Amino acid sequence: MTKDRVSELDDRGGVGDFLRSRRARIQPEEVGLPGHGRRRVPGLRREEVAQLAGVSVDYYIRLEQGRGPSVSDSVLDAIARVLRLDDTETAYLRSVARPDSVPRRRRPAGQQVRPGLKLLLATIEKAPAFVLGRRMDVLAWNALADALIGFSAMAPEERNMPRQVFLNPDARALYPEWHAVAAETVAFLRLDAGLHPKDPRLATLVGELSLADEDFRRLWADHQVKEKTYGAKRVTHPVAGELSLPYETLTVSGDPDQSLVVYTPEPGSVTEERLRLLGSWAATTA
């Protein structure tokens, strides 16, 4: 990827595009403004956001242009209220509006999973579990997660959830609700981008996915931001069949860039039984 391409991705991920995308989803009538008349852009105008947030139009325009590094929390909170941002979106706005204020944490050259966390993974025998790191890289997994997704058969650079969702030709068959999984993946990757705005490896990943997949380009441009805390996925496994997999995501103590993801099948469910059989099949095959 060229340097110009990386810069383009950085600009696209900035505060201006995010605010414009949030303005576009708010109709004037929703905030008590007249909605009649022809509008050149969907949603709220910049002047209307500034008025409702109690700041000058020039101040707000400079913020959208990325020229407001000293903007205060109170101003950002006022804009967040006008644009009806949730807590995750508000935190993202703060990070992209003031990228130089995002704390830089010292990290080892590679993402390391503590030995104790690996032992914890091994003790989880009835549920697939794995550790996600920066850029949604898969750093460690237990036997059942390997049987379900096949991490050990992948090259190290392929052990990344966005790459698997958008570049793996089997992904759309694996996830019957692929479009929902894809949107969730991009929204979480966008959140990571806000926390690490100058990460060249993330820019490279976004660039590669943008060039390779039209759905990724569309979802990335939509600027959705979402935490990956809990939810559910449906998986169609070639051996185990249809699986319904609720999941919980827990931040690793001592390293906020790592998360433990555990799929939690309902006790006594068909999915629990099929996972048990999948584990037995994988152990026998190995």
Protein backbone atom coordinates (compact mmCIF):
# COMPACT_ATOMS: atom_id res chain seq x y z
CA MET A 1 0.00 0.00 0.00
CA THR A 2 1.30 3.43 -0.88
CA LYS A 3 1.87 6.22 1.61
CA ASP A 4 -0.81 8.29 -0.15
CA ARG A 5 -3.28 5.43 0.24
CA VAL A 6 -2.61 5.22 3.99
CA SER A 7 -3.08 8.99 4.33
CA GLU A 8 -6.36 8.73 2.44
CA LEU A 9 -7.58 6.09 4.87
CA ASP A 10 -6.55 8.22 7.83
CA ASP A 11 -8.52 11.17 6.45
CA ARG A 12 -11.55 9.02 5.75
CA GLY A 13 -11.54 7.81 9.33
CA GLY A 14 -11.42 11.31 10.82
CA VAL A 15 -13.87 13.38 12.81
CA GLY A 16 -15.38 15.15 9.77
CA ASP A 17 -16.70 12.03 8.07
CA PHE A 18 -18.01 10.69 11.35
CA LEU A 19 -19.92 13.88 12.20
CA ARG A 20 -21.32 14.18 8.69
CA SER A 21 -22.57 10.59 8.82
CA ARG A 22 -24.24 11.22 12.20
CA ARG A 23 -25.81 14.49 10.99
CA ALA A 24 -27.30 12.69 8.02
CA ARG A 25 -29.33 10.30 10.15
CA ILE A 26 -31.09 13.04 12.20
CA GLN A 27 -34.15 14.60 10.59
CA PRO A 28 -34.87 18.28 11.42
CA GLU A 29 -38.34 17.43 12.74
CA GLU A 30 -36.77 15.13 15.33
CA VAL A 31 -35.06 18.08 17.03
CA GLY A 32 -37.86 20.60 16.68
CA LEU A 33 -36.71 22.31 13.47
CA PRO A 34 -38.89 22.88 10.40
CA GLY A 35 -38.31 20.18 7.83
CA HIS A 36 -40.00 21.68 4.81
CA GLY A 37 -38.02 23.08 1.93
CA ARG A 38 -35.34 21.63 -0.28
CA ARG A 39 -32.09 20.48 1.36
CA ARG A 40 -28.80 19.90 -0.40
CA VAL A 41 -27.73 17.31 2.17
CA PRO A 42 -29.74 14.73 4.15
CA GLY A 43 -30.33 15.31 7.83
CA LEU A 44 -29.14 18.32 9.77
CA ARG A 45 -27.04 21.15 8.37
CA ARG A 46 -23.84 22.18 10.11
CA GLU A 47 -25.42 25.48 11.07
CA GLU A 48 -28.29 23.65 12.79
CA VAL A 49 -25.98 21.39 14.77
CA ALA A 50 -23.99 24.41 15.91
CA GLN A 51 -27.16 26.26 16.96
CA LEU A 52 -28.54 23.32 18.90
CA ALA A 53 -25.18 22.61 20.57
CA GLY A 54 -24.70 26.25 21.58
CA VAL A 55 -21.49 26.90 19.65
CA SER A 56 -20.67 29.22 16.79
CA VAL A 57 -21.03 27.97 13.24
CA ASP A 58 -17.39 28.76 12.52
CA TYR A 59 -16.29 26.75 15.57
CA TYR A 60 -18.33 23.74 14.51
CA ILE A 61 -17.07 23.93 10.91
CA ARG A 62 -13.47 23.98 12.13
CA LEU A 63 -14.23 20.92 14.26
CA GLU A 64 -15.62 19.02 11.26
CA GLN A 65 -12.52 20.00 9.32
CA GLY A 66 -10.29 18.52 12.01
CA ARG A 67 -9.01 21.90 13.18
CA GLY A 68 -10.35 21.78 16.73
CA PRO A 69 -7.74 19.90 18.79
CA SER A 70 -8.50 21.94 21.93
CA VAL A 71 -12.25 21.29 21.86
CA SER A 72 -13.58 20.64 25.35
CA ASP A 73 -15.51 17.66 26.68
CA SER A 74 -18.50 19.91 27.33
CA VAL A 75 -18.69 20.98 23.68
CA LEU A 76 -18.28 17.41 22.45
CA ASP A 77 -20.96 16.24 24.89
CA ALA A 78 -23.32 18.95 23.62
CA ILE A 79 -22.74 17.87 20.03
CA ALA A 80 -23.21 14.24 21.05
CA ARG A 81 -26.58 15.09 22.59
CA VAL A 82 -27.71 16.89 19.44
CA LEU A 83 -26.65 13.98 17.24
CA ARG A 84 -28.08 11.43 19.69
CA LEU A 85 -24.85 9.50 20.05
CA ASP A 86 -24.75 6.59 22.47
CA ASP A 87 -21.93 6.16 25.01
CA THR A 88 -19.71 4.22 22.61
CA GLU A 89 -20.17 6.77 19.81
CA THR A 90 -19.51 9.64 22.23
CA ALA A 91 -16.25 8.06 23.38
CA TYR A 92 -15.31 7.52 19.74
CA LEU A 93 -16.07 11.18 18.94
CA ARG A 94 -13.73 12.31 21.70
CA SER A 95 -10.90 10.13 20.42
CA VAL A 96 -11.20 11.15 16.74
CA ALA A 97 -11.78 14.83 17.56
CA ARG A 98 -8.60 14.90 19.67
CA PRO A 99 -6.35 12.13 18.29
CA ASP A 100 -3.23 13.61 19.89
CA SER A 101 -4.86 13.26 23.32
CA VAL A 102 -5.38 9.50 23.02
CA PRO A 103 -2.96 7.98 25.55
CA ARG A 104 -0.17 5.93 24.02
CA ARG A 105 0.41 2.70 25.93
CA ARG A 106 3.78 1.03 25.69
CA ARG A 107 3.47 -2.40 24.16
CA PRO A 108 5.89 -5.23 23.36
CA ALA A 109 6.72 -5.71 19.68
CA GLY A 110 4.19 -8.54 19.38
CA GLN A 111 0.86 -9.08 21.08
CA GLN A 112 1.53 -11.50 23.91
CA VAL A 113 -1.07 -13.61 25.73
CA ARG A 114 -0.21 -14.31 29.35
CA PRO A 115 0.51 -17.98 30.18
CA GLY A 116 -2.21 -17.88 32.82
CA LEU A 117 -4.77 -16.77 30.25
CA LYS A 118 -3.75 -19.64 27.97
CA LEU A 119 -4.26 -22.05 30.87
CA LEU A 120 -7.69 -20.54 31.45
CA LEU A 121 -8.59 -21.16 27.81
CA ALA A 122 -7.55 -24.80 28.14
CA THR A 123 -9.83 -25.30 31.15
CA ILE A 124 -12.89 -24.15 29.17
CA GLU A 125 -13.82 -27.48 27.61
CA LYS A 126 -17.54 -27.18 26.82
CA ALA A 127 -17.48 -23.82 25.03
CA PRO A 128 -15.43 -22.37 22.16
CA ALA A 129 -13.23 -19.56 23.49
CA PHE A 130 -10.48 -17.38 22.05
CA VAL A 131 -8.55 -14.17 22.73
CA LEU A 132 -8.83 -11.16 20.42
CA GLY A 133 -6.16 -8.49 20.29
CA ARG A 134 -5.59 -5.29 18.33
CA ARG A 135 -7.27 -5.08 14.93
CA MET A 136 -9.29 -8.17 15.95
CA ASP A 137 -6.27 -10.45 15.57
CA VAL A 138 -6.90 -13.91 17.07
CA LEU A 139 -4.07 -14.48 19.55
CA ALA A 140 -5.02 -17.73 21.31
CA TRP A 141 -7.86 -20.27 21.35
CA ASN A 142 -9.03 -23.48 22.98
CA ALA A 143 -9.56 -26.85 21.32
CA LEU A 144 -13.29 -26.38 20.72
CA ALA A 145 -12.82 -22.95 19.11
CA ASP A 146 -10.21 -24.52 16.84
CA ALA A 147 -12.64 -27.30 15.89
CA LEU A 148 -15.32 -24.70 15.19
CA ILE A 149 -13.32 -22.12 13.20
CA GLY A 150 -10.01 -23.81 12.36
CA PHE A 151 -7.52 -21.26 13.67
CA SER A 152 -4.58 -23.69 13.77
CA ALA A 153 -4.95 -24.45 10.06
CA MET A 154 -4.62 -20.77 9.13
CA ALA A 155 -1.42 -18.91 8.37
CA PRO A 156 -0.60 -16.46 11.19
CA GLU A 157 -1.52 -13.41 9.10
CA GLU A 158 -4.94 -14.95 8.36
CA ARG A 159 -5.86 -15.22 12.05
CA ASN A 160 -7.80 -12.00 12.00
CA MET A 161 -11.59 -11.82 12.21
CA PRO A 162 -12.14 -9.08 9.58
CA ARG A 163 -9.93 -11.01 7.14
CA GLN A 164 -11.92 -14.17 7.80
CA VAL A 165 -15.29 -12.46 7.42
CA PHE A 166 -14.46 -10.59 4.19
CA LEU A 167 -11.67 -12.54 2.49
CA ASN A 168 -12.46 -16.17 3.36
CA PRO A 169 -14.58 -17.55 0.50
CA ASP A 170 -16.35 -19.91 2.95
CA ALA A 171 -17.43 -17.14 5.35
CA ARG A 172 -20.85 -16.50 3.81
CA ALA A 173 -21.67 -20.21 4.08
CA LEU A 174 -20.31 -20.40 7.64
CA TYR A 175 -22.44 -17.44 8.83
CA PRO A 176 -26.07 -17.67 7.61
CA GLU A 177 -26.56 -14.07 8.83
CA TRP A 178 -23.35 -12.91 7.17
CA HIS A 179 -24.44 -9.30 6.61
CA ALA A 180 -25.13 -8.82 10.34
CA VAL A 181 -21.79 -10.42 11.26
CA ALA A 182 -20.00 -8.22 8.71
CA ALA A 183 -21.60 -5.02 10.03
CA GLU A 184 -20.75 -5.92 13.64
CA THR A 185 -17.15 -6.71 12.68
CA VAL A 186 -16.62 -3.40 10.87
CA ALA A 187 -18.27 -1.40 13.68
CA PHE A 188 -15.87 -2.91 16.22
CA LEU A 189 -12.89 -2.40 13.92
CA ARG A 190 -13.93 1.25 13.52
CA LEU A 191 -13.92 1.57 17.33
CA ASP A 192 -10.37 0.20 17.41
CA ALA A 193 -9.39 2.76 14.78
CA GLY A 194 -10.67 5.55 17.00
CA LEU A 195 -8.57 4.34 19.92
CA HIS A 196 -5.45 3.95 17.76
CA PRO A 197 -5.79 6.65 15.07
CA LYS A 198 -2.20 6.43 13.79
CA ASP A 199 -1.75 2.67 13.58
CA PRO A 200 -0.13 1.91 10.20
CA ARG A 201 -0.98 -1.81 10.40
CA LEU A 202 -4.65 -0.97 10.88
CA ALA A 203 -4.53 1.42 7.91
CA THR A 204 -2.97 -1.36 5.83
CA LEU A 205 -5.68 -3.82 6.90
CA VAL A 206 -8.48 -1.36 6.10
CA GLY A 207 -6.90 -0.59 2.75
CA GLU A 208 -6.56 -4.25 1.83
CA LEU A 209 -10.17 -5.02 2.77
CA SER A 210 -11.44 -1.90 1.00
CA LEU A 211 -9.74 -2.89 -2.23
CA ALA A 212 -10.90 -6.51 -2.00
CA ASP A 213 -14.53 -6.24 -0.91
CA GLU A 214 -17.30 -3.82 -1.87
CA ASP A 215 -19.35 -4.64 1.23
CA PHE A 216 -16.44 -3.69 3.47
CA ARG A 217 -16.00 -0.36 1.66
CA ARG A 218 -19.69 0.45 2.13
CA LEU A 219 -19.74 -0.53 5.81
CA TRP A 220 -16.51 1.32 6.60
CA ALA A 221 -17.85 4.48 4.96
CA ASP A 222 -21.03 4.21 7.07
CA HIS A 223 -19.01 5.01 10.24
CA GLN A 224 -20.97 2.75 12.58
CA VAL A 225 -19.21 2.28 15.94
CA LYS A 226 -20.08 -0.54 18.31
CA GLU A 227 -18.61 -2.35 21.30
CA LYS A 228 -18.34 -6.13 21.05
CA THR A 229 -19.67 -6.96 24.52
CA TYR A 230 -22.21 -9.72 24.00
CA GLY A 231 -24.56 -11.04 21.36
CA ALA A 232 -25.28 -14.17 19.36
CA LYS A 233 -24.15 -15.75 16.12
CA ARG A 234 -25.57 -18.48 13.97
CA VAL A 235 -22.98 -20.78 12.44
CA THR A 236 -23.41 -23.53 9.86
CA HIS A 237 -20.50 -25.89 10.46
CA PRO A 238 -19.65 -28.50 7.81
CA VAL A 239 -19.45 -31.23 10.46
CA ALA A 240 -21.61 -30.06 13.38
CA GLY A 241 -24.38 -28.45 11.32
CA GLU A 242 -26.49 -25.49 12.43
CA LEU A 243 -25.35 -23.90 15.71
CA SER A 244 -26.86 -21.08 17.75
CA LEU A 245 -24.05 -19.43 19.70
CA PRO A 246 -24.59 -16.63 22.23
CA TYR A 247 -21.29 -15.04 23.22
CA GLU A 248 -19.79 -12.92 25.99
CA THR A 249 -16.72 -10.68 25.54
CA LEU A 250 -14.58 -9.87 28.59
CA THR A 251 -11.73 -7.34 28.62
CA VAL A 252 -8.51 -8.91 29.88
CA SER A 253 -7.34 -7.33 33.13
CA GLY A 254 -3.97 -5.65 32.65
CA ASP A 255 -4.31 -5.35 28.86
CA PRO A 256 -7.37 -3.43 27.62
CA ASP A 257 -6.39 -4.24 24.02
CA GLN A 258 -7.14 -7.93 24.60
CA SER A 259 -10.57 -9.55 25.01
CA LEU A 260 -11.66 -13.06 25.91
CA VAL A 261 -14.57 -14.19 23.74
CA VAL A 262 -16.55 -17.21 24.93
CA TYR A 263 -19.45 -18.79 23.05
CA THR A 264 -22.02 -19.90 25.62
CA PRO A 265 -24.51 -22.48 24.25
CA GLU A 266 -27.73 -22.93 26.20
CA PRO A 267 -27.49 -25.88 28.61
CA GLY A 268 -29.34 -28.89 27.26
CA SER A 269 -29.73 -27.33 23.81
CA VAL A 270 -29.12 -28.97 20.46
CA THR A 271 -26.14 -26.66 19.98
CA GLU A 272 -24.55 -27.84 23.24
CA GLU A 273 -24.89 -31.47 22.15
CA ARG A 274 -23.53 -30.75 18.68
CA LEU A 275 -20.53 -28.91 20.15
CA ARG A 276 -19.83 -31.90 22.37
CA LEU A 277 -19.90 -34.19 19.35
CA LEU A 278 -17.73 -31.72 17.40
CA GLY A 279 -15.14 -31.78 20.17
CA SER A 280 -15.12 -35.58 20.18
CA TRP A 281 -14.82 -35.65 16.39
CA ALA A 282 -11.91 -33.18 16.45
CA ALA A 283 -10.09 -35.13 19.15
CA THR A 284 -10.52 -38.39 17.21
CA THR A 285 -9.38 -36.78 13.96
CA ALA A 286 -6.33 -35.28 15.63
